[in-house]
Amino acid sequence: MDTGGYLARWYEGYLVPSRSTVFGLYLHFGEASAFSINLGIQALATLWILQLDTARARHGPALRLLAISLALTLATALPWLASTLLTDIFAGLSVLALFILAVHGARISAIEKCSLSP
């Protein structure tokens, strides 16, 4: 129901409070692939942001990424959020992106900074 509300903004041509037009356009982009492109983007964005954070670790960033990913998969709703077409996944990713910009901003590239910025 929520996903349809976001997607309908594209077709109905008017705005509704609490329904992001940008997210509706994002959904429309993946419509031809039965939204598998959207789900892939969400999963890859999650892994990329986790990788950016763990890559700054001094010892074993790859092992740390695997351990954190496994812990988040087993102990949180992350797999469910990444596999549903809702804006909820981007709330947590935004907080982590802001953390990376604030704490690791001096150690990430300009392209990564632009990609993380709102």
PDB file of N, CA and C in Angstrom:
ATOM      1  N   MET A   1       0.825  -1.193   0.000  1.00  0.00           N
ATOM      2  CA  MET A   1       0.000   0.000   0.000  1.00  0.00           C
ATOM      3  C   MET A   1       0.874   1.264   0.000  1.00  0.00           C
ATOM      4  N   ASP A   2       1.866   1.312   0.874  1.00  0.00           N
ATOM      5  CA  ASP A   2       2.738   2.486   0.917  1.00  0.00           C
ATOM      6  C   ASP A   2       3.511   2.653  -0.381  1.00  0.00           C
ATOM      7  N   THR A   3       4.035   1.560  -0.908  1.00  0.00           N
ATOM      8  CA  THR A   3       4.810   1.640  -2.138  1.00  0.00           C
ATOM      9  C   THR A   3       3.943   2.171  -3.271  1.00  0.00           C
ATOM     10  N   GLY A   4       2.716   1.718  -3.364  1.00  0.00           N
ATOM     11  CA  GLY A   4       1.793   2.210  -4.385  1.00  0.00           C
ATOM     12  C   GLY A   4       1.522   3.691  -4.236  1.00  0.00           C
ATOM     13  N   GLY A   5       1.474   4.170  -2.999  1.00  0.00           N
ATOM     14  CA  GLY A   5       1.269   5.593  -2.760  1.00  0.00           C
ATOM     15  C   GLY A   5       2.414   6.442  -3.287  1.00  0.00           C
ATOM     16  N   TYR A   6       3.632   5.937  -3.151  1.00  0.00           N
ATOM     17  CA  TYR A   6       4.789   6.657  -3.686  1.00  0.00           C
ATOM     18  C   TYR A   6       4.793   6.613  -5.216  1.00  0.00           C
ATOM     19  N   LEU A   7       4.510   5.447  -5.761  1.00  0.00           N
ATOM     20  CA  LEU A   7       4.528   5.273  -7.213  1.00  0.00           C
ATOM     21  C   LEU A   7       3.399   6.048  -7.888  1.00  0.00           C
ATOM     22  N   ALA A   8       2.272   6.174  -7.223  1.00  0.00           N
ATOM     23  CA  ALA A   8       1.122   6.880  -7.805  1.00  0.00           C
ATOM     24  C   ALA A   8       1.409   8.354  -8.047  1.00  0.00           C
ATOM     25  N   ARG A   9       2.298   8.951  -7.289  1.00  0.00           N
ATOM     26  CA  ARG A   9       2.618  10.366  -7.496  1.00  0.00           C
ATOM     27  C   ARG A   9       3.073  10.613  -8.934  1.00  0.00           C
ATOM     28  N   TRP A  10       3.808   9.687  -9.508  1.00  0.00           N
ATOM     29  CA  TRP A  10       4.296   9.829 -10.877  1.00  0.00           C
ATOM     30  C   TRP A  10       3.125   9.831 -11.861  1.00  0.00           C
ATOM     31  N   TYR A  11       2.167   8.947 -11.658  1.00  0.00           N
ATOM     32  CA  TYR A  11       1.079   8.784 -12.624  1.00  0.00           C
ATOM     33  C   TYR A  11      -0.077   9.753 -12.411  1.00  0.00           C
ATOM     34  N   GLU A  12      -0.365  10.089 -11.164  1.00  0.00           N
ATOM     35  CA  GLU A  12      -1.499  10.970 -10.882  1.00  0.00           C
ATOM     36  C   GLU A  12      -1.147  12.442 -11.042  1.00  0.00           C
ATOM     37  N   GLY A  13       0.120  12.777 -10.943  1.00  0.00           N
ATOM     38  CA  GLY A  13       0.562  14.137 -11.216  1.00  0.00           C
ATOM     39  C   GLY A  13       0.266  15.157 -10.136  1.00  0.00           C
ATOM     40  N   TYR A  14       0.050  14.729  -8.898  1.00  0.00           N
ATOM     41  CA  TYR A  14      -0.113  15.699  -7.814  1.00  0.00           C
ATOM     42  C   TYR A  14       0.576  15.174  -6.556  1.00  0.00           C
ATOM     43  N   LEU A  15       0.931  16.099  -5.694  1.00  0.00           N
ATOM     44  CA  LEU A  15       1.658  15.765  -4.480  1.00  0.00           C
ATOM     45  C   LEU A  15       0.703  15.441  -3.346  1.00  0.00           C
ATOM     46  N   VAL A  16       1.160  14.590  -2.458  1.00  0.00           N
ATOM     47  CA  VAL A  16       0.404  14.207  -1.271  1.00  0.00           C
ATOM     48  C   VAL A  16       1.357  14.322  -0.087  1.00  0.00           C
ATOM     49  N   PRO A  17       0.915  14.884   1.028  1.00  0.00           N
ATOM     50  CA  PRO A  17       1.800  14.959   2.198  1.00  0.00           C
ATOM     51  C   PRO A  17       2.291  13.565   2.597  1.00  0.00           C
ATOM     52  N   SER A  18       3.511  13.485   2.988  1.00  0.00           N
ATOM     53  CA  SER A  18       4.208  12.284   3.455  1.00  0.00           C
ATOM     54  C   SER A  18       4.486  11.269   2.353  1.00  0.00           C
ATOM     55  N   ARG A  19       4.385  11.663   1.096  1.00  0.00           N
ATOM     56  CA  ARG A  19       4.733  10.785  -0.019  1.00  0.00           C
ATOM     57  C   ARG A  19       5.761  11.502  -0.882  1.00  0.00           C
ATOM     58  N   SER A  20       6.999  11.045  -0.817  1.00  0.00           N
ATOM     59  CA  SER A  20       8.111  11.689  -1.510  1.00  0.00           C
ATOM     60  C   SER A  20       8.014  11.483  -3.018  1.00  0.00           C
ATOM     61  N   THR A  21       8.053  12.580  -3.748  1.00  0.00           N
ATOM     62  CA  THR A  21       8.061  12.510  -5.205  1.00  0.00           C
ATOM     63  C   THR A  21       9.365  11.904  -5.702  1.00  0.00           C
ATOM     64  N   VAL A  22      10.458  12.224  -5.048  1.00  0.00           N
ATOM     65  CA  VAL A  22      11.765  11.689  -5.443  1.00  0.00           C
ATOM     66  C   VAL A  22      11.771  10.170  -5.301  1.00  0.00           C
ATOM     67  N   PHE A  23      11.219   9.648  -4.212  1.00  0.00           N
ATOM     68  CA  PHE A  23      11.165   8.203  -4.037  1.00  0.00           C
ATOM     69  C   PHE A  23      10.242   7.571  -5.076  1.00  0.00           C
ATOM     70  N   GLY A  24       9.171   8.265  -5.438  1.00  0.00           N
ATOM     71  CA  GLY A  24       8.293   7.787  -6.502  1.00  0.00           C
ATOM     72  C   GLY A  24       9.022   7.683  -7.833  1.00  0.00           C
ATOM     73  N   LEU A  25       9.863   8.659  -8.147  1.00  0.00           N
ATOM     74  CA  LEU A  25      10.669   8.608  -9.370  1.00  0.00           C
ATOM     75  C   LEU A  25      11.680   7.463  -9.312  1.00  0.00           C
ATOM     76  N   TYR A  26      12.258   7.265  -8.150  1.00  0.00           N
ATOM     77  CA  TYR A  26      13.186   6.146  -7.943  1.00  0.00           C
ATOM     78  C   TYR A  26      12.475   4.816  -8.195  1.00  0.00           C
ATOM     79  N   LEU A  27      11.254   4.674  -7.697  1.00  0.00           N
ATOM     80  CA  LEU A  27      10.492   3.451  -7.936  1.00  0.00           C
ATOM     81  C   LEU A  27      10.139   3.303  -9.413  1.00  0.00           C
ATOM     82  N   HIS A  28       9.766   4.392 -10.036  1.00  0.00           N
ATOM     83  CA  HIS A  28       9.409   4.348 -11.452  1.00  0.00           C
ATOM     84  C   HIS A  28      10.595   3.880 -12.296  1.00  0.00           C
ATOM     85  N   PHE A  29      11.793   4.260 -11.918  1.00  0.00           N
ATOM     86  CA  PHE A  29      13.013   3.854 -12.612  1.00  0.00           C
ATOM     87  C   PHE A  29      13.144   2.330 -12.657  1.00  0.00           C
ATOM     88  N   GLY A  30      12.744   1.646 -11.595  1.00  0.00           N
ATOM     89  CA  GLY A  30      12.894   0.195 -11.528  1.00  0.00           C
ATOM     90  C   GLY A  30      11.656  -0.593 -11.894  1.00  0.00           C
ATOM     91  N   GLU A  31      10.635   0.091 -12.328  1.00  0.00           N
ATOM     92  CA  GLU A  31       9.363  -0.574 -12.612  1.00  0.00           C
ATOM     93  C   GLU A  31       9.491  -1.641 -13.706  1.00  0.00           C
ATOM     94  N   ALA A  32      10.258  -1.379 -14.762  1.00  0.00           N
ATOM     95  CA  ALA A  32      10.396  -2.328 -15.870  1.00  0.00           C
ATOM     96  C   ALA A  32      11.083  -3.623 -15.447  1.00  0.00           C
ATOM     97  N   SER A  33      11.888  -3.569 -14.402  1.00  0.00           N
ATOM     98  CA  SER A  33      12.596  -4.760 -13.927  1.00  0.00           C
ATOM     99  C   SER A  33      11.877  -5.431 -12.763  1.00  0.00           C
ATOM    100  N   ALA A  34      10.594  -5.126 -12.594  1.00  0.00           N
ATOM    101  CA  ALA A  34       9.818  -5.632 -11.452  1.00  0.00           C
ATOM    102  C   ALA A  34      10.466  -5.200 -10.136  1.00  0.00           C
ATOM    103  N   PHE A  35      11.081  -4.022 -10.144  1.00  0.00           N
ATOM    104  CA  PHE A  35      11.688  -3.377  -8.986  1.00  0.00           C
ATOM    105  C   PHE A  35      12.944  -4.070  -8.476  1.00  0.00           C
ATOM    106  N   SER A  36      13.471  -5.045  -9.225  1.00  0.00           N
ATOM    107  CA  SER A  36      14.706  -5.695  -8.774  1.00  0.00           C
ATOM    108  C   SER A  36      15.888  -4.732  -8.815  1.00  0.00           C
ATOM    109  N   ILE A  37      15.874  -3.768  -9.734  1.00  0.00           N
ATOM    110  CA  ILE A  37      16.931  -2.749  -9.765  1.00  0.00           C
ATOM    111  C   ILE A  37      16.907  -1.936  -8.471  1.00  0.00           C
ATOM    112  N   ASN A  38      15.722  -1.560  -8.016  1.00  0.00           N
ATOM    113  CA  ASN A  38      15.591  -0.786  -6.780  1.00  0.00           C
ATOM    114  C   ASN A  38      16.121  -1.569  -5.585  1.00  0.00           C
ATOM    115  N   LEU A  39      15.756  -2.844  -5.498  1.00  0.00           N
ATOM    116  CA  LEU A  39      16.216  -3.657  -4.376  1.00  0.00           C
ATOM    117  C   LEU A  39      17.730  -3.847  -4.426  1.00  0.00           C
ATOM    118  N   GLY A  40      18.276  -3.998  -5.627  1.00  0.00           N
ATOM    119  CA  GLY A  40      19.726  -4.106  -5.765  1.00  0.00           C
ATOM    120  C   GLY A  40      20.428  -2.830  -5.347  1.00  0.00           C
ATOM    121  N   ILE A  41      19.877  -1.691  -5.734  1.00  0.00           N
ATOM    122  CA  ILE A  41      20.451  -0.395  -5.342  1.00  0.00           C
ATOM    123  C   ILE A  41      20.434  -0.249  -3.831  1.00  0.00           C
ATOM    124  N   GLN A  42      19.333  -0.619  -3.205  1.00  0.00           N
ATOM    125  CA  GLN A  42      19.224  -0.506  -1.743  1.00  0.00           C
ATOM    126  C   GLN A  42      20.247  -1.401  -1.049  1.00  0.00           C
ATOM    127  N   ALA A  43      20.397  -2.637  -1.511  1.00  0.00           N
ATOM    128  CA  ALA A  43      21.362  -3.552  -0.902  1.00  0.00           C
ATOM    129  C   ALA A  43      22.793  -3.076  -1.120  1.00  0.00           C
ATOM    130  N   LEU A  44      23.097  -2.636  -2.348  1.00  0.00           N
ATOM    131  CA  LEU A  44      24.452  -2.152  -2.638  1.00  0.00           C
ATOM    132  C   LEU A  44      24.769  -0.863  -1.881  1.00  0.00           C
ATOM    133  N   ALA A  45      23.800   0.025  -1.753  1.00  0.00           N
ATOM    134  CA  ALA A  45      24.026   1.260  -0.987  1.00  0.00           C
ATOM    135  C   ALA A  45      24.316   0.933   0.470  1.00  0.00           C
ATOM    136  N   THR A  46      23.600  -0.033   1.014  1.00  0.00           N
ATOM    137  CA  THR A  46      23.828  -0.446   2.405  1.00  0.00           C
ATOM    138  C   THR A  46      25.238  -0.996   2.577  1.00  0.00           C
ATOM    139  N   LEU A  47      25.634  -1.908   1.702  1.00  0.00           N
ATOM    140  CA  LEU A  47      26.981  -2.480   1.800  1.00  0.00           C
ATOM    141  C   LEU A  47      28.063  -1.434   1.565  1.00  0.00           C
ATOM    142  N   TRP A  48      27.829  -0.520   0.629  1.00  0.00           N
ATOM    143  CA  TRP A  48      28.825   0.512   0.340  1.00  0.00           C
ATOM    144  C   TRP A  48      29.037   1.424   1.538  1.00  0.00           C
ATOM    145  N   ILE A  49      27.958   1.847   2.180  1.00  0.00           N
ATOM    146  CA  ILE A  49      28.093   2.734   3.342  1.00  0.00           C
ATOM    147  C   ILE A  49      28.742   1.994   4.504  1.00  0.00           C
ATOM    148  N   LEU A  50      28.383   0.728   4.710  1.00  0.00           N
ATOM    149  CA  LEU A  50      29.050  -0.056   5.752  1.00  0.00           C
ATOM    150  C   LEU A  50      30.537  -0.221   5.432  1.00  0.00           C
ATOM    151  N   GLN A  51      30.854  -0.446   4.167  1.00  0.00           N
ATOM    152  CA  GLN A  51      32.248  -0.600   3.758  1.00  0.00           C
ATOM    153  C   GLN A  51      33.027   0.686   3.978  1.00  0.00           C
ATOM    154  N   LEU A  52      32.402   1.831   3.669  1.00  0.00           N
ATOM    155  CA  LEU A  52      33.089   3.109   3.895  1.00  0.00           C
ATOM    156  C   LEU A  52      33.454   3.286   5.361  1.00  0.00           C
ATOM    157  N   ASP A  53      32.554   2.898   6.235  1.00  0.00           N
ATOM    158  CA  ASP A  53      32.812   3.042   7.666  1.00  0.00           C
ATOM    159  C   ASP A  53      33.876   2.054   8.138  1.00  0.00           C
ATOM    160  N   THR A  54      33.772   0.811   7.724  1.00  0.00           N
ATOM    161  CA  THR A  54      34.723  -0.193   8.208  1.00  0.00           C
ATOM    162  C   THR A  54      36.082  -0.092   7.538  1.00  0.00           C
ATOM    163  N   ALA A  55      36.157   0.495   6.352  1.00  0.00           N
ATOM    164  CA  ALA A  55      37.450   0.631   5.672  1.00  0.00           C
ATOM    165  C   ALA A  55      38.393   1.550   6.423  1.00  0.00           C
ATOM    166  N   ARG A  56      37.877   2.359   7.297  1.00  0.00           N
ATOM    167  CA  ARG A  56      38.717   3.273   8.070  1.00  0.00           C
ATOM    168  C   ARG A  56      39.346   2.587   9.282  1.00  0.00           C
ATOM    169  N   ALA A  57      38.959   1.319   9.521  1.00  0.00           N
ATOM    170  CA  ALA A  57      39.541   0.571  10.639  1.00  0.00           C
ATOM    171  C   ALA A  57      40.987   0.210  10.304  1.00  0.00           C
ATOM    172  N   ARG A  58      41.825   0.190  11.292  1.00  0.00           N
ATOM    173  CA  ARG A  58      43.246  -0.070  11.057  1.00  0.00           C
ATOM    174  C   ARG A  58      43.542  -1.555  10.889  1.00  0.00           C
ATOM    175  N   HIS A  59      42.761  -2.409  11.523  1.00  0.00           N
ATOM    176  CA  HIS A  59      43.048  -3.838  11.495  1.00  0.00           C
ATOM    177  C   HIS A  59      41.882  -4.606  10.886  1.00  0.00           C
ATOM    178  N   GLY A  60      42.129  -5.258   9.772  1.00  0.00           N
ATOM    179  CA  GLY A  60      41.170  -6.157   9.155  1.00  0.00           C
ATOM    180  C   GLY A  60      39.845  -5.557   8.733  1.00  0.00           C
ATOM    181  N   PRO A  61      39.855  -4.536   7.866  1.00  0.00           N
ATOM    182  CA  PRO A  61      38.586  -3.928   7.476  1.00  0.00           C
ATOM    183  C   PRO A  61      37.649  -4.906   6.767  1.00  0.00           C
ATOM    184  N   ALA A  62      38.177  -5.841   5.982  1.00  0.00           N
ATOM    185  CA  ALA A  62      37.318  -6.797   5.281  1.00  0.00           C
ATOM    186  C   ALA A  62      36.650  -7.744   6.272  1.00  0.00           C
ATOM    187  N   LEU A  63      37.407  -8.210   7.235  1.00  0.00           N
ATOM    188  CA  LEU A  63      36.847  -9.097   8.259  1.00  0.00           C
ATOM    189  C   LEU A  63      35.835  -8.345   9.124  1.00  0.00           C
ATOM    190  N   ARG A  64      36.133  -7.100   9.426  1.00  0.00           N
ATOM    191  CA  ARG A  64      35.209  -6.284  10.215  1.00  0.00           C
ATOM    192  C   ARG A  64      33.902  -6.061   9.457  1.00  0.00           C
ATOM    193  N   LEU A  65      33.982  -5.796   8.142  1.00  0.00           N
ATOM    194  CA  LEU A  65      32.775  -5.621   7.321  1.00  0.00           C
ATOM    195  C   LEU A  65      31.943  -6.892   7.327  1.00  0.00           C
ATOM    196  N   LEU A  66      32.580  -8.033   7.179  1.00  0.00           N
ATOM    197  CA  LEU A  66      31.863  -9.305   7.208  1.00  0.00           C
ATOM    198  C   LEU A  66      31.189  -9.527   8.556  1.00  0.00           C
ATOM    199  N   ALA A  67      31.901  -9.260   9.645  1.00  0.00           N
ATOM    200  CA  ALA A  67      31.345  -9.463  10.981  1.00  0.00           C
ATOM    201  C   ALA A  67      30.172  -8.513  11.247  1.00  0.00           C
ATOM    202  N   ILE A  68      30.312  -7.250  10.872  1.00  0.00           N
ATOM    203  CA  ILE A  68      29.237  -6.285  11.093  1.00  0.00           C
ATOM    204  C   ILE A  68      28.032  -6.629  10.217  1.00  0.00           C
ATOM    205  N   SER A  69      28.272  -6.990   8.980  1.00  0.00           N
ATOM    206  CA  SER A  69      27.169  -7.367   8.085  1.00  0.00           C
ATOM    207  C   SER A  69      26.424  -8.583   8.613  1.00  0.00           C
ATOM    208  N   LEU A  70      27.155  -9.575   9.088  1.00  0.00           N
ATOM    209  CA  LEU A  70      26.538 -10.767   9.647  1.00  0.00           C
ATOM    210  C   LEU A  70      25.737 -10.438  10.898  1.00  0.00           C
ATOM    211  N   ALA A  71      26.308  -9.622  11.778  1.00  0.00           N
ATOM    212  CA  ALA A  71      25.594  -9.235  12.999  1.00  0.00           C
ATOM    213  C   ALA A  71      24.321  -8.451  12.676  1.00  0.00           C
ATOM    214  N   LEU A  72      24.406  -7.515  11.743  1.00  0.00           N
ATOM    215  CA  LEU A  72      23.219  -6.740  11.364  1.00  0.00           C
ATOM    216  C   LEU A  72      22.166  -7.624  10.696  1.00  0.00           C
ATOM    217  N   THR A  73      22.613  -8.598   9.919  1.00  0.00           N
ATOM    218  CA  THR A  73      21.684  -9.510   9.251  1.00  0.00           C
ATOM    219  C   THR A  73      20.944 -10.376  10.264  1.00  0.00           C
ATOM    220  N   LEU A  74      21.646 -10.854  11.261  1.00  0.00           N
ATOM    221  CA  LEU A  74      21.042 -11.768  12.239  1.00  0.00           C
ATOM    222  C   LEU A  74      20.275 -11.061  13.355  1.00  0.00           C
ATOM    223  N   ALA A  75      20.682  -9.847  13.708  1.00  0.00           N
ATOM    224  CA  ALA A  75      20.130  -9.219  14.912  1.00  0.00           C
ATOM    225  C   ALA A  75      19.253  -7.999  14.674  1.00  0.00           C
ATOM    226  N   THR A  76      19.096  -7.574  13.425  1.00  0.00           N
ATOM    227  CA  THR A  76      18.292  -6.376  13.173  1.00  0.00           C
ATOM    228  C   THR A  76      17.303  -6.627  12.026  1.00  0.00           C
ATOM    229  N   ALA A  77      16.541  -5.625  11.731  1.00  0.00           N
ATOM    230  CA  ALA A  77      15.579  -5.698  10.630  1.00  0.00           C
ATOM    231  C   ALA A  77      16.194  -5.276   9.300  1.00  0.00           C
ATOM    232  N   LEU A  78      17.505  -5.125   9.243  1.00  0.00           N
ATOM    233  CA  LEU A  78      18.164  -4.653   8.028  1.00  0.00           C
ATOM    234  C   LEU A  78      17.830  -5.477   6.791  1.00  0.00           C
ATOM    235  N   PRO A  79      17.861  -6.812   6.836  1.00  0.00           N
ATOM    236  CA  PRO A  79      17.521  -7.568   5.621  1.00  0.00           C
ATOM    237  C   PRO A  79      16.096  -7.288   5.133  1.00  0.00           C
ATOM    238  N   TRP A  80      15.180  -7.158   6.057  1.00  0.00           N
ATOM    239  CA  TRP A  80      13.793  -6.865   5.687  1.00  0.00           C
ATOM    240  C   TRP A  80      13.686  -5.457   5.096  1.00  0.00           C
ATOM    241  N   LEU A  81      14.338  -4.492   5.717  1.00  0.00           N
ATOM    242  CA  LEU A  81      14.282  -3.123   5.213  1.00  0.00           C
ATOM    243  C   LEU A  81      14.911  -3.006   3.829  1.00  0.00           C
ATOM    244  N   ALA A  82      16.018  -3.703   3.611  1.00  0.00           N
ATOM    245  CA  ALA A  82      16.685  -3.630   2.308  1.00  0.00           C
ATOM    246  C   ALA A  82      15.902  -4.353   1.224  1.00  0.00           C
ATOM    247  N   SER A  83      15.001  -5.247   1.612  1.00  0.00           N
ATOM    248  CA  SER A  83      14.252  -6.017   0.615  1.00  0.00           C
ATOM    249  C   SER A  83      12.832  -5.513   0.412  1.00  0.00           C
ATOM    250  N   THR A  84      12.485  -4.386   1.001  1.00  0.00           N
ATOM    251  CA  THR A  84      11.158  -3.803   0.789  1.00  0.00           C
ATOM    252  C   THR A  84      11.301  -2.440   0.122  1.00  0.00           C
ATOM    253  N   LEU A  85      10.294  -2.085  -0.612  1.00  0.00           N
ATOM    254  CA  LEU A  85      10.320  -0.815  -1.347  1.00  0.00           C
ATOM    255  C   LEU A  85       9.688   0.285  -0.500  1.00  0.00           C
ATOM    256  N   LEU A  86      10.368   0.650   0.556  1.00  0.00           N
ATOM    257  CA  LEU A  86       9.942   1.728   1.440  1.00  0.00           C
ATOM    258  C   LEU A  86      11.125   2.662   1.674  1.00  0.00           C
ATOM    259  N   THR A  87      10.830   3.857   2.094  1.00  0.00           N
ATOM    260  CA  THR A  87      11.892   4.831   2.361  1.00  0.00           C
ATOM    261  C   THR A  87      12.653   4.524   3.647  1.00  0.00           C
ATOM    262  N   ASP A  88      12.182   3.588   4.435  1.00  0.00           N
ATOM    263  CA  ASP A  88      12.758   3.315   5.749  1.00  0.00           C
ATOM    264  C   ASP A  88      14.241   2.965   5.693  1.00  0.00           C
ATOM    265  N   ILE A  89      14.680   2.258   4.687  1.00  0.00           N
ATOM    266  CA  ILE A  89      16.092   1.870   4.591  1.00  0.00           C
ATOM    267  C   ILE A  89      16.992   3.101   4.528  1.00  0.00           C
ATOM    268  N   PHE A  90      16.512   4.162   3.900  1.00  0.00           N
ATOM    269  CA  PHE A  90      17.343   5.339   3.721  1.00  0.00           C
ATOM    270  C   PHE A  90      17.450   6.190   4.980  1.00  0.00           C
ATOM    271  N   ALA A  91      16.566   6.007   5.941  1.00  0.00           N
ATOM    272  CA  ALA A  91      16.672   6.748   7.203  1.00  0.00           C
ATOM    273  C   ALA A  91      17.935   6.325   7.956  1.00  0.00           C
ATOM    274  N   GLY A  92      18.105   5.033   8.134  1.00  0.00           N
ATOM    275  CA  GLY A  92      19.294   4.534   8.822  1.00  0.00           C
ATOM    276  C   GLY A  92      20.569   4.805   8.049  1.00  0.00           C
ATOM    277  N   LEU A  93      20.499   4.639   6.734  1.00  0.00           N
ATOM    278  CA  LEU A  93      21.681   4.896   5.914  1.00  0.00           C
ATOM    279  C   LEU A  93      22.078   6.365   5.951  1.00  0.00           C
ATOM    280  N   SER A  94      21.113   7.244   6.053  1.00  0.00           N
ATOM    281  CA  SER A  94      21.402   8.684   6.139  1.00  0.00           C
ATOM    282  C   SER A  94      22.141   9.019   7.429  1.00  0.00           C
ATOM    283  N   VAL A  95      21.711   8.416   8.526  1.00  0.00           N
ATOM    284  CA  VAL A  95      22.380   8.659   9.807  1.00  0.00           C
ATOM    285  C   VAL A  95      23.822   8.163   9.745  1.00  0.00           C
ATOM    286  N   LEU A  96      24.022   6.967   9.195  1.00  0.00           N
ATOM    287  CA  LEU A  96      25.377   6.433   9.082  1.00  0.00           C
ATOM    288  C   LEU A  96      26.219   7.269   8.119  1.00  0.00           C
ATOM    289  N   ALA A  97      25.616   7.759   7.034  1.00  0.00           N
ATOM    290  CA  ALA A  97      26.337   8.616   6.085  1.00  0.00           C
ATOM    291  C   ALA A  97      26.783   9.914   6.761  1.00  0.00           C
ATOM    292  N   LEU A  98      25.913  10.511   7.558  1.00  0.00           N
ATOM    293  CA  LEU A  98      26.286  11.734   8.279  1.00  0.00           C
ATOM    294  C   LEU A  98      27.401  11.465   9.282  1.00  0.00           C
ATOM    295  N   PHE A  99      27.340  10.311   9.937  1.00  0.00           N
ATOM    296  CA  PHE A  99      28.409   9.919  10.861  1.00  0.00           C
ATOM    297  C   PHE A  99      29.736   9.811  10.116  1.00  0.00           C
ATOM    298  N   ILE A 100      29.726   9.164   8.964  1.00  0.00           N
ATOM    299  CA  ILE A 100      30.952   9.002   8.174  1.00  0.00           C
ATOM    300  C   ILE A 100      31.499  10.361   7.748  1.00  0.00           C
ATOM    301  N   LEU A 101      30.611  11.242   7.308  1.00  0.00           N
ATOM    302  CA  LEU A 101      31.051  12.583   6.913  1.00  0.00           C
ATOM    303  C   LEU A 101      31.640  13.348   8.088  1.00  0.00           C
ATOM    304  N   ALA A 102      31.035  13.226   9.258  1.00  0.00           N
ATOM    305  CA  ALA A 102      31.499  13.972  10.427  1.00  0.00           C
ATOM    306  C   ALA A 102      32.791  13.400  11.007  1.00  0.00           C
ATOM    307  N   VAL A 103      32.891  12.079  11.092  1.00  0.00           N
ATOM    308  CA  VAL A 103      34.024  11.453  11.766  1.00  0.00           C
ATOM    309  C   VAL A 103      35.169  11.146  10.802  1.00  0.00           C
ATOM    310  N   HIS A 104      34.833  10.661   9.616  1.00  0.00           N
ATOM    311  CA  HIS A 104      35.855  10.237   8.665  1.00  0.00           C
ATOM    312  C   HIS A 104      35.973  11.178   7.466  1.00  0.00           C
ATOM    313  N   GLY A 105      35.384  12.346   7.547  1.00  0.00           N
ATOM    314  CA  GLY A 105      35.351  13.267   6.416  1.00  0.00           C
ATOM    315  C   GLY A 105      36.714  13.594   5.830  1.00  0.00           C
ATOM    316  N   ALA A 106      37.723  13.684   6.662  1.00  0.00           N
ATOM    317  CA  ALA A 106      39.061  14.025   6.177  1.00  0.00           C
ATOM    318  C   ALA A 106      39.731  12.846   5.477  1.00  0.00           C
ATOM    319  N   ARG A 107      39.208  11.640   5.693  1.00  0.00           N
ATOM    320  CA  ARG A 107      39.851  10.444   5.138  1.00  0.00           C
ATOM    321  C   ARG A 107      39.092   9.819   3.972  1.00  0.00           C
ATOM    322  N   ILE A 108      38.056  10.497   3.465  1.00  0.00           N
ATOM    323  CA  ILE A 108      37.335   9.955   2.318  1.00  0.00           C
ATOM    324  C   ILE A 108      37.484  10.903   1.131  1.00  0.00           C
ATOM    325  N   SER A 109      37.319  10.357  -0.053  1.00  0.00           N
ATOM    326  CA  SER A 109      37.545  11.148  -1.268  1.00  0.00           C
ATOM    327  C   SER A 109      36.407  12.140  -1.500  1.00  0.00           C
ATOM    328  N   ALA A 110      36.648  13.085  -2.390  1.00  0.00           N
ATOM    329  CA  ALA A 110      35.633  14.083  -2.725  1.00  0.00           C
ATOM    330  C   ALA A 110      34.409  13.434  -3.366  1.00  0.00           C
ATOM    331  N   ILE A 111      34.627  12.414  -4.175  1.00  0.00           N
ATOM    332  CA  ILE A 111      33.501  11.709  -4.812  1.00  0.00           C
ATOM    333  C   ILE A 111      32.652  11.013  -3.748  1.00  0.00           C
ATOM    334  N   GLU A 112      33.313  10.391  -2.761  1.00  0.00           N
ATOM    335  CA  GLU A 112      32.572   9.729  -1.690  1.00  0.00           C
ATOM    336  C   GLU A 112      31.799  10.755  -0.872  1.00  0.00           C
ATOM    337  N   LYS A 113      32.412  11.906  -0.602  1.00  0.00           N
ATOM    338  CA  LYS A 113      31.710  12.962   0.133  1.00  0.00           C
ATOM    339  C   LYS A 113      30.478  13.426  -0.616  1.00  0.00           C
ATOM    340  N   CYS A 114      30.598  13.643  -1.916  1.00  0.00           N
ATOM    341  CA  CYS A 114      29.445  14.075  -2.721  1.00  0.00           C
ATOM    342  C   CYS A 114      28.364  13.000  -2.755  1.00  0.00           C
ATOM    343  N   SER A 115      28.765  11.750  -2.822  1.00  0.00           N
ATOM    344  CA  SER A 115      27.801  10.649  -2.854  1.00  0.00           C
ATOM    345  C   SER A 115      27.058  10.512  -1.537  1.00  0.00           C
ATOM    346  N   LEU A 116      27.712  10.830  -0.437  1.00  0.00           N
ATOM    347  CA  LEU A 116      27.093  10.715   0.885  1.00  0.00           C
ATOM    348  C   LEU A 116      26.246  11.933   1.247  1.00  0.00           C
ATOM    349  N   SER A 117      26.504  13.047   0.625  1.00  0.00           N
ATOM    350  CA  SER A 117      25.798  14.285   0.964  1.00  0.00           C
ATOM    351  C   SER A 117      24.341  14.236   0.501  1.00  0.00           C
ATOM    352  N   PRO A 118      23.471  14.880   1.275  1.00  0.00           N
ATOM    353  CA  PRO A 118      22.039  14.856   0.909  1.00  0.00           C
ATOM    354  C   PRO A 118      21.716  15.599  -0.342  1.00  0.00           C
TER     355      PRO A 118
END
